[in-house]
PDB file of N, CA and C in Angstrom:
ATOM      1  N   MET A   1      12.777  23.971  10.128  1.00  0.00           N
ATOM      2  CA  MET A   1      13.876  23.025  10.085  1.00  0.00           C
ATOM      3  C   MET A   1      14.697  23.311   8.829  1.00  0.00           C
ATOM      4  N   LYS A   2      15.987  23.383   8.991  1.00  0.00           N
ATOM      5  CA  LYS A   2      16.883  23.678   7.878  1.00  0.00           C
ATOM      6  C   LYS A   2      17.875  22.540   7.726  1.00  0.00           C
ATOM      7  N   HIS A   3      18.034  22.079   6.494  1.00  0.00           N
ATOM      8  CA  HIS A   3      19.010  21.030   6.189  1.00  0.00           C
ATOM      9  C   HIS A   3      20.188  21.660   5.462  1.00  0.00           C
ATOM     10  N   THR A   4      21.378  21.223   5.804  1.00  0.00           N
ATOM     11  CA  THR A   4      22.572  21.672   5.106  1.00  0.00           C
ATOM     12  C   THR A   4      23.272  20.446   4.535  1.00  0.00           C
ATOM     13  N   TYR A   5      23.487  20.447   3.222  1.00  0.00           N
ATOM     14  CA  TYR A   5      24.124  19.321   2.539  1.00  0.00           C
ATOM     15  C   TYR A   5      25.529  19.724   2.125  1.00  0.00           C
ATOM     16  N   ILE A   6      26.542  19.185   2.805  1.00  0.00           N
ATOM     17  CA  ILE A   6      27.942  19.470   2.495  1.00  0.00           C
ATOM     18  C   ILE A   6      28.608  18.142   2.158  1.00  0.00           C
ATOM     19  N   LYS A   7      29.080  18.021   0.917  1.00  0.00           N
ATOM     20  CA  LYS A   7      29.656  16.762   0.442  1.00  0.00           C
ATOM     21  C   LYS A   7      30.772  16.280   1.367  1.00  0.00           C
ATOM     22  N   GLY A   8      30.661  15.002   1.792  1.00  0.00           N
ATOM     23  CA  GLY A   8      31.683  14.392   2.633  1.00  0.00           C
ATOM     24  C   GLY A   8      31.582  14.733   4.109  1.00  0.00           C
ATOM     25  N   GLN A   9      30.523  15.457   4.505  1.00  0.00           N
ATOM     26  CA  GLN A   9      30.378  15.847   5.906  1.00  0.00           C
ATOM     27  C   GLN A   9      29.029  15.415   6.469  1.00  0.00           C
ATOM     28  N   LYS A  10      29.006  15.236   7.772  1.00  0.00           N
ATOM     29  CA  LYS A  10      27.777  14.918   8.484  1.00  0.00           C
ATOM     30  C   LYS A  10      27.319  16.181   9.198  1.00  0.00           C
ATOM     31  N   THR A  11      26.079  16.595   8.957  1.00  0.00           N
ATOM     32  CA  THR A  11      25.520  17.777   9.611  1.00  0.00           C
ATOM     33  C   THR A  11      24.342  17.356  10.483  1.00  0.00           C
ATOM     34  N   MET A  12      24.192  18.008  11.623  1.00  0.00           N
ATOM     35  CA  MET A  12      23.166  17.645  12.596  1.00  0.00           C
ATOM     36  C   MET A  12      22.130  18.757  12.737  1.00  0.00           C
ATOM     37  N   PHE A  13      20.890  18.370  13.027  1.00  0.00           N
ATOM     38  CA  PHE A  13      19.836  19.332  13.307  1.00  0.00           C
ATOM     39  C   PHE A  13      18.800  18.670  14.213  1.00  0.00           C
ATOM     40  N   ILE A  14      17.929  19.470  14.781  1.00  0.00           N
ATOM     41  CA  ILE A  14      16.873  18.985  15.669  1.00  0.00           C
ATOM     42  C   ILE A  14      15.530  19.148  14.956  1.00  0.00           C
ATOM     43  N   TYR A  15      14.771  18.064  14.887  1.00  0.00           N
ATOM     44  CA  TYR A  15      13.431  18.072  14.314  1.00  0.00           C
ATOM     45  C   TYR A  15      12.452  18.167  15.480  1.00  0.00           C
ATOM     46  N   LYS A  16      11.720  19.285  15.566  1.00  0.00           N
ATOM     47  CA  LYS A  16      10.831  19.528  16.692  1.00  0.00           C
ATOM     48  C   LYS A  16       9.415  19.062  16.351  1.00  0.00           C
ATOM     49  N   THR A  17       8.853  18.216  17.213  1.00  0.00           N
ATOM     50  CA  THR A  17       7.479  17.744  17.041  1.00  0.00           C
ATOM     51  C   THR A  17       6.689  18.058  18.306  1.00  0.00           C
ATOM     52  N   MET A  18       5.383  17.899  18.260  1.00  0.00           N
ATOM     53  CA  MET A  18       4.561  18.134  19.448  1.00  0.00           C
ATOM     54  C   MET A  18       4.807  17.068  20.525  1.00  0.00           C
ATOM     55  N   TYR A  19       5.450  15.961  20.121  1.00  0.00           N
ATOM     56  CA  TYR A  19       5.739  14.880  21.056  1.00  0.00           C
ATOM     57  C   TYR A  19       7.167  14.944  21.614  1.00  0.00           C
ATOM     58  N   GLY A  20       7.937  15.886  21.134  1.00  0.00           N
ATOM     59  CA  GLY A  20       9.320  16.031  21.584  1.00  0.00           C
ATOM     60  C   GLY A  20      10.262  16.238  20.419  1.00  0.00           C
ATOM     61  N   ASN A  21      11.508  16.423  20.727  1.00  0.00           N
ATOM     62  CA  ASN A  21      12.526  16.679  19.709  1.00  0.00           C
ATOM     63  C   ASN A  21      13.204  15.385  19.285  1.00  0.00           C
ATOM     64  N   ILE A  22      13.581  15.326  18.001  1.00  0.00           N
ATOM     65  CA  ILE A  22      14.314  14.188  17.460  1.00  0.00           C
ATOM     66  C   ILE A  22      15.625  14.703  16.895  1.00  0.00           C
ATOM     67  N   GLU A  23      16.731  14.123  17.343  1.00  0.00           N
ATOM     68  CA  GLU A  23      18.037  14.492  16.805  1.00  0.00           C
ATOM     69  C   GLU A  23      18.219  13.787  15.470  1.00  0.00           C
ATOM     70  N   MET A  24      18.474  14.554  14.431  1.00  0.00           N
ATOM     71  CA  MET A  24      18.671  14.000  13.092  1.00  0.00           C
ATOM     72  C   MET A  24      19.992  14.497  12.544  1.00  0.00           C
ATOM     73  N   SER A  25      20.577  13.723  11.646  1.00  0.00           N
ATOM     74  CA  SER A  25      21.776  14.174  10.956  1.00  0.00           C
ATOM     75  C   SER A  25      21.790  13.593   9.547  1.00  0.00           C
ATOM     76  N   ILE A  26      22.533  14.281   8.694  1.00  0.00           N
ATOM     77  CA  ILE A  26      22.638  13.909   7.284  1.00  0.00           C
ATOM     78  C   ILE A  26      24.109  13.800   6.922  1.00  0.00           C
ATOM     79  N   PHE A  27      24.494  12.681   6.314  1.00  0.00           N
ATOM     80  CA  PHE A  27      25.826  12.557   5.721  1.00  0.00           C
ATOM     81  C   PHE A  27      25.648  12.622   4.217  1.00  0.00           C
ATOM     82  N   THR A  28      26.266  13.628   3.594  1.00  0.00           N
ATOM     83  CA  THR A  28      26.101  13.855   2.159  1.00  0.00           C
ATOM     84  C   THR A  28      27.196  13.138   1.379  1.00  0.00           C
ATOM     85  N   HIS A  29      26.791  12.205   0.531  1.00  0.00           N
ATOM     86  CA  HIS A  29      27.730  11.506  -0.347  1.00  0.00           C
ATOM     87  C   HIS A  29      28.000  12.330  -1.607  1.00  0.00           C
ATOM     88  N   GLU A  30      26.938  12.895  -2.160  1.00  0.00           N
ATOM     89  CA  GLU A  30      27.070  13.645  -3.415  1.00  0.00           C
ATOM     90  C   GLU A  30      26.081  14.801  -3.407  1.00  0.00           C
ATOM     91  N   ARG A  31      26.529  15.955  -3.883  1.00  0.00           N
ATOM     92  CA  ARG A  31      25.682  17.128  -4.050  1.00  0.00           C
ATOM     93  C   ARG A  31      26.167  17.825  -5.313  1.00  0.00           C
ATOM     94  N   GLU A  32      25.311  17.867  -6.298  1.00  0.00           N
ATOM     95  CA  GLU A  32      25.750  18.411  -7.585  1.00  0.00           C
ATOM     96  C   GLU A  32      24.623  19.231  -8.216  1.00  0.00           C
ATOM     97  N   VAL A  33      24.989  20.387  -8.723  1.00  0.00           N
ATOM     98  CA  VAL A  33      24.068  21.243  -9.468  1.00  0.00           C
ATOM     99  C   VAL A  33      24.731  21.564 -10.792  1.00  0.00           C
ATOM    100  N   SER A  34      24.024  21.294 -11.878  1.00  0.00           N
ATOM    101  CA  SER A  34      24.576  21.624 -13.197  1.00  0.00           C
ATOM    102  C   SER A  34      23.512  22.340 -14.021  1.00  0.00           C
ATOM    103  N   TYR A  35      23.977  23.245 -14.847  1.00  0.00           N
ATOM    104  CA  TYR A  35      23.082  24.042 -15.674  1.00  0.00           C
ATOM    105  C   TYR A  35      23.170  23.566 -17.118  1.00  0.00           C
ATOM    106  N   VAL A  36      22.029  23.524 -17.775  1.00  0.00           N
ATOM    107  CA  VAL A  36      21.951  23.145 -19.181  1.00  0.00           C
ATOM    108  C   VAL A  36      21.667  24.410 -19.973  1.00  0.00           C
ATOM    109  N   THR A  37      22.607  24.776 -20.826  1.00  0.00           N
ATOM    110  CA  THR A  37      22.407  25.950 -21.671  1.00  0.00           C
ATOM    111  C   THR A  37      22.856  25.604 -23.084  1.00  0.00           C
ATOM    112  N   SER A  38      21.903  25.371 -23.910  1.00  0.00           N
ATOM    113  CA  SER A  38      22.200  25.097 -25.319  1.00  0.00           C
ATOM    114  C   SER A  38      21.190  25.853 -26.172  1.00  0.00           C
ATOM    115  N   GLU A  39      21.367  25.786 -27.461  1.00  0.00           N
ATOM    116  CA  GLU A  39      20.439  26.464 -28.357  1.00  0.00           C
ATOM    117  C   GLU A  39      19.042  25.856 -28.294  1.00  0.00           C
ATOM    118  N   LYS A  40      18.963  24.572 -27.941  1.00  0.00           N
ATOM    119  CA  LYS A  40      17.683  23.870 -27.945  1.00  0.00           C
ATOM    120  C   LYS A  40      16.973  23.854 -26.595  1.00  0.00           C
ATOM    121  N   GLU A  41      17.731  23.966 -25.489  1.00  0.00           N
ATOM    122  CA  GLU A  41      17.070  23.901 -24.185  1.00  0.00           C
ATOM    123  C   GLU A  41      17.859  24.632 -23.102  1.00  0.00           C
ATOM    124  N   LEU A  42      17.122  25.042 -22.086  1.00  0.00           N
ATOM    125  CA  LEU A  42      17.690  25.633 -20.882  1.00  0.00           C
ATOM    126  C   LEU A  42      17.153  24.842 -19.703  1.00  0.00           C
ATOM    127  N   GLY A  43      17.953  24.685 -18.676  1.00  0.00           N
ATOM    128  CA  GLY A  43      17.469  23.945 -17.508  1.00  0.00           C
ATOM    129  C   GLY A  43      18.524  23.812 -16.434  1.00  0.00           C
ATOM    130  N   ILE A  44      18.181  23.003 -15.460  1.00  0.00           N
ATOM    131  CA  ILE A  44      19.064  22.754 -14.325  1.00  0.00           C
ATOM    132  C   ILE A  44      18.882  21.302 -13.877  1.00  0.00           C
ATOM    133  N   ASN A  45      19.973  20.684 -13.469  1.00  0.00           N
ATOM    134  CA  ASN A  45      19.949  19.332 -12.906  1.00  0.00           C
ATOM    135  C   ASN A  45      20.488  19.404 -11.483  1.00  0.00           C
ATOM    136  N   ILE A  46      19.780  18.755 -10.559  1.00  0.00           N
ATOM    137  CA  ILE A  46      20.179  18.736  -9.155  1.00  0.00           C
ATOM    138  C   ILE A  46      20.253  17.288  -8.691  1.00  0.00           C
ATOM    139  N   LEU A  47      21.357  16.929  -8.026  1.00  0.00           N
ATOM    140  CA  LEU A  47      21.539  15.582  -7.496  1.00  0.00           C
ATOM    141  C   LEU A  47      21.920  15.679  -6.018  1.00  0.00           C
ATOM    142  N   LEU A  48      21.193  14.942  -5.179  1.00  0.00           N
ATOM    143  CA  LEU A  48      21.521  14.807  -3.761  1.00  0.00           C
ATOM    144  C   LEU A  48      21.546  13.328  -3.423  1.00  0.00           C
ATOM    145  N   ASP A  49      22.643  12.871  -2.834  1.00  0.00           N
ATOM    146  CA  ASP A  49      22.791  11.476  -2.411  1.00  0.00           C
ATOM    147  C   ASP A  49      23.269  11.537  -0.960  1.00  0.00           C
ATOM    148  N   TYR A  50      22.426  11.076  -0.032  1.00  0.00           N
ATOM    149  CA  TYR A  50      22.754  11.250   1.384  1.00  0.00           C
ATOM    150  C   TYR A  50      22.169  10.139   2.253  1.00  0.00           C
ATOM    151  N   ASP A  51      22.751   9.978   3.441  1.00  0.00           N
ATOM    152  CA  ASP A  51      22.240   9.080   4.471  1.00  0.00           C
ATOM    153  C   ASP A  51      21.536   9.924   5.519  1.00  0.00           C
ATOM    154  N   LEU A  52      20.416   9.416   6.026  1.00  0.00           N
ATOM    155  CA  LEU A  52      19.682  10.094   7.089  1.00  0.00           C
ATOM    156  C   LEU A  52      19.791   9.272   8.367  1.00  0.00           C
ATOM    157  N   TYR A  53      20.211   9.923   9.445  1.00  0.00           N
ATOM    158  CA  TYR A  53      20.363   9.279  10.751  1.00  0.00           C
ATOM    159  C   TYR A  53      19.333   9.844  11.722  1.00  0.00           C
ATOM    160  N   LEU A  54      18.682   8.975  12.477  1.00  0.00           N
ATOM    161  CA  LEU A  54      17.794   9.381  13.567  1.00  0.00           C
ATOM    162  C   LEU A  54      18.417   8.897  14.862  1.00  0.00           C
ATOM    163  N   ASP A  55      18.648   9.819  15.792  1.00  0.00           N
ATOM    164  CA  ASP A  55      19.317   9.497  17.056  1.00  0.00           C
ATOM    165  C   ASP A  55      20.618   8.730  16.821  1.00  0.00           C
ATOM    166  N   ASN A  56      21.423   9.195  15.883  1.00  0.00           N
ATOM    167  CA  ASN A  56      22.736   8.640  15.528  1.00  0.00           C
ATOM    168  C   ASN A  56      22.686   7.219  14.963  1.00  0.00           C
ATOM    169  N   GLU A  57      21.534   6.784  14.491  1.00  0.00           N
ATOM    170  CA  GLU A  57      21.405   5.469  13.886  1.00  0.00           C
ATOM    171  C   GLU A  57      21.016   5.626  12.415  1.00  0.00           C
ATOM    172  N   LEU A  58      21.772   4.980  11.528  1.00  0.00           N
ATOM    173  CA  LEU A  58      21.469   5.063  10.096  1.00  0.00           C
ATOM    174  C   LEU A  58      20.065   4.529   9.845  1.00  0.00           C
ATOM    175  N   THR A  59      19.228   5.378   9.240  1.00  0.00           N
ATOM    176  CA  THR A  59      17.832   5.026   9.038  1.00  0.00           C
ATOM    177  C   THR A  59      17.491   4.876   7.558  1.00  0.00           C
ATOM    178  N   TYR A  60      17.952   5.800   6.733  1.00  0.00           N
ATOM    179  CA  TYR A  60      17.613   5.780   5.312  1.00  0.00           C
ATOM    180  C   TYR A  60      18.807   6.192   4.463  1.00  0.00           C
ATOM    181  N   ARG A  61      18.905   5.607   3.282  1.00  0.00           N
ATOM    182  CA  ARG A  61      19.836   6.070   2.242  1.00  0.00           C
ATOM    183  C   ARG A  61      18.953   6.656   1.157  1.00  0.00           C
ATOM    184  N   ASN A  62      19.191   7.902   0.782  1.00  0.00           N
ATOM    185  CA  ASN A  62      18.340   8.606  -0.169  1.00  0.00           C
ATOM    186  C   ASN A  62      19.138   9.141  -1.338  1.00  0.00           C
ATOM    187  N   LYS A  63      18.521   9.104  -2.505  1.00  0.00           N
ATOM    188  CA  LYS A  63      19.097   9.704  -3.696  1.00  0.00           C
ATOM    189  C   LYS A  63      17.973  10.440  -4.422  1.00  0.00           C
ATOM    190  N   VAL A  64      18.159  11.737  -4.605  1.00  0.00           N
ATOM    191  CA  VAL A  64      17.160  12.589  -5.244  1.00  0.00           C
ATOM    192  C   VAL A  64      17.791  13.208  -6.480  1.00  0.00           C
ATOM    193  N   GLU A  65      17.117  13.038  -7.617  1.00  0.00           N
ATOM    194  CA  GLU A  65      17.562  13.655  -8.862  1.00  0.00           C
ATOM    195  C   GLU A  65      16.423  14.488  -9.410  1.00  0.00           C
ATOM    196  N   ILE A  66      16.691  15.786  -9.641  1.00  0.00           N
ATOM    197  CA  ILE A  66      15.692  16.705 -10.158  1.00  0.00           C
ATOM    198  C   ILE A  66      16.217  17.315 -11.444  1.00  0.00           C
ATOM    199  N   SER A  67      15.382  17.311 -12.469  1.00  0.00           N
ATOM    200  CA  SER A  67      15.736  17.902 -13.753  1.00  0.00           C
ATOM    201  C   SER A  67      14.631  18.858 -14.170  1.00  0.00           C
ATOM    202  N   LEU A  68      14.980  20.127 -14.323  1.00  0.00           N
ATOM    203  CA  LEU A  68      13.999  21.136 -14.724  1.00  0.00           C
ATOM    204  C   LEU A  68      14.348  21.672 -16.111  1.00  0.00           C
ATOM    205  N   ARG A  69      13.353  21.749 -16.958  1.00  0.00           N
ATOM    206  CA  ARG A  69      13.536  22.293 -18.316  1.00  0.00           C
ATOM    207  C   ARG A  69      12.487  23.327 -18.588  1.00  0.00           C
TER     208      ARG A  69
END
């Protein structure tokens, strides 16, 4: 299963299970990647803010923030 996060767009995919397929889609509110490069630290910050739809029904609002140093 592959997810594509495009800011301001809704993308659809099929989640395949042993019980059948589920139509899912993601609407991306925010997608941001920033790099930290200073004399004291190196790293990356990743932000994903999206809605998850199951069978065209809004199911979850998610926000993921990852910071690596």
